[in-house]
N, C-alpha and C. Protein backbone atom coordinates (compact mmCIF):
# COMPACT_ATOMS: atom_id res chain seq x y z
N MET A 1 -34.97 24.40 10.54
CA MET A 1 -33.63 23.19 10.62
C MET A 1 -33.85 22.06 10.08
N TYR A 2 -35.15 21.38 10.14
CA TYR A 2 -35.78 20.22 9.17
C TYR A 2 -34.81 20.38 7.60
N ARG A 3 -35.63 21.97 7.33
CA ARG A 3 -34.67 21.68 5.75
C ARG A 3 -33.65 22.02 5.91
N LEU A 4 -32.49 22.26 7.06
CA LEU A 4 -31.30 22.49 6.58
C LEU A 4 -31.11 20.64 6.70
N SER A 5 -31.40 20.31 7.31
CA SER A 5 -31.17 18.66 7.47
C SER A 5 -31.74 17.31 5.93
N ASN A 6 -32.56 18.14 5.82
CA ASN A 6 -33.01 17.79 4.13
C ASN A 6 -32.05 18.01 3.12
N ASP A 7 -31.86 19.46 3.24
CA ASP A 7 -30.82 19.48 2.08
C ASP A 7 -29.70 18.41 2.40
N PHE A 8 -29.06 18.55 3.24
CA PHE A 8 -27.31 17.81 4.02
C PHE A 8 -27.73 16.39 3.16
N ALA A 9 -29.03 15.80 3.76
CA ALA A 9 -29.30 14.51 3.01
C ALA A 9 -29.32 14.05 1.67
N ARG A 10 -29.78 15.09 0.25
CA ARG A 10 -29.75 14.92 -0.44
C ARG A 10 -28.49 15.35 -0.98
N PHE A 11 -27.30 15.98 -0.78
CA PHE A 11 -26.57 16.82 -0.92
C PHE A 11 -25.39 15.28 -0.45
N HIS A 12 -25.84 14.51 1.00
CA HIS A 12 -24.33 13.15 0.98
C HIS A 12 -25.41 12.56 -0.24
N TYR A 13 -26.56 11.89 -0.44
CA TYR A 13 -26.58 11.57 -1.62
C TYR A 13 -26.63 11.38 -2.66
N ALA A 14 -26.23 12.56 -3.44
CA ALA A 14 -26.13 12.56 -4.84
C ALA A 14 -24.51 12.60 -4.72
N VAL A 15 -23.84 13.44 -3.47
CA VAL A 15 -22.62 13.00 -3.42
C VAL A 15 -21.62 11.27 -3.64
N THR A 16 -22.82 10.46 -3.34
CA THR A 16 -22.50 9.07 -2.68
C THR A 16 -22.86 8.61 -4.15
N ILE A 17 -23.82 9.16 -4.57
CA ILE A 17 -23.96 8.55 -5.91
C ILE A 17 -22.90 8.51 -7.35
N VAL A 18 -22.94 10.41 -7.32
CA VAL A 18 -21.79 10.82 -8.36
C VAL A 18 -20.56 10.23 -8.28
N GLY A 19 -19.94 9.65 -6.38
CA GLY A 19 -19.03 9.52 -6.15
C GLY A 19 -18.78 7.79 -6.56
N CYS A 20 -19.36 7.21 -7.50
CA CYS A 20 -19.35 5.90 -8.00
C CYS A 20 -19.35 5.60 -9.45
N GLY A 21 -19.11 6.96 -9.95
CA GLY A 21 -19.27 7.21 -10.69
C GLY A 21 -17.68 7.99 -11.09
N GLY A 22 -16.61 8.16 -10.30
CA GLY A 22 -16.04 8.09 -10.63
C GLY A 22 -15.09 10.23 -10.21
N THR A 23 -16.44 10.69 -10.47
CA THR A 23 -16.34 11.99 -10.10
C THR A 23 -16.53 12.81 -9.10
N GLY A 24 -16.73 11.94 -7.60
CA GLY A 24 -17.44 12.43 -6.55
C GLY A 24 -16.52 13.78 -6.18
N GLY A 25 -15.22 13.45 -5.89
CA GLY A 25 -14.00 14.76 -6.21
C GLY A 25 -14.09 15.85 -6.26
N PHE A 26 -14.35 15.52 -7.88
CA PHE A 26 -14.74 16.92 -8.57
C PHE A 26 -16.59 17.57 -8.11
N VAL A 27 -16.81 16.58 -8.02
CA VAL A 27 -18.66 17.68 -7.52
C VAL A 27 -18.17 18.31 -6.04
N ALA A 28 -17.65 16.91 -5.68
CA ALA A 28 -17.67 17.87 -4.02
C ALA A 28 -16.71 19.19 -3.51
N GLU A 29 -15.41 19.08 -4.71
CA GLU A 29 -14.46 20.31 -4.63
C GLU A 29 -15.39 21.31 -5.16
N SER A 30 -16.47 21.49 -6.45
CA SER A 30 -16.92 22.64 -6.52
C SER A 30 -18.36 22.84 -4.91
N LEU A 31 -18.36 22.21 -5.07
CA LEU A 31 -19.96 22.16 -3.70
C LEU A 31 -19.51 22.64 -2.82
N CYS A 32 -18.25 22.95 -2.41
CA CYS A 32 -17.62 23.27 -1.76
C CYS A 32 -17.53 24.94 -2.01
N ARG A 33 -17.10 24.80 -2.63
CA ARG A 33 -16.51 26.58 -3.47
C ARG A 33 -17.94 27.55 -3.70
N LEU A 34 -18.79 26.68 -3.68
CA LEU A 34 -20.21 27.15 -3.75
C LEU A 34 -21.13 27.45 -2.28
N LEU A 35 -20.68 26.37 -1.33
CA LEU A 35 -20.96 27.05 -0.10
C LEU A 35 -19.99 27.91 0.92
């Protein structure tokens, strides 16, 4: 359970950082497909 929360935190952090670059939508879509 802790690992899942930690992974989700990293996922949110990565999306936030990349989102600032303007490609957050593309990355989010790709990750959703992987999940």
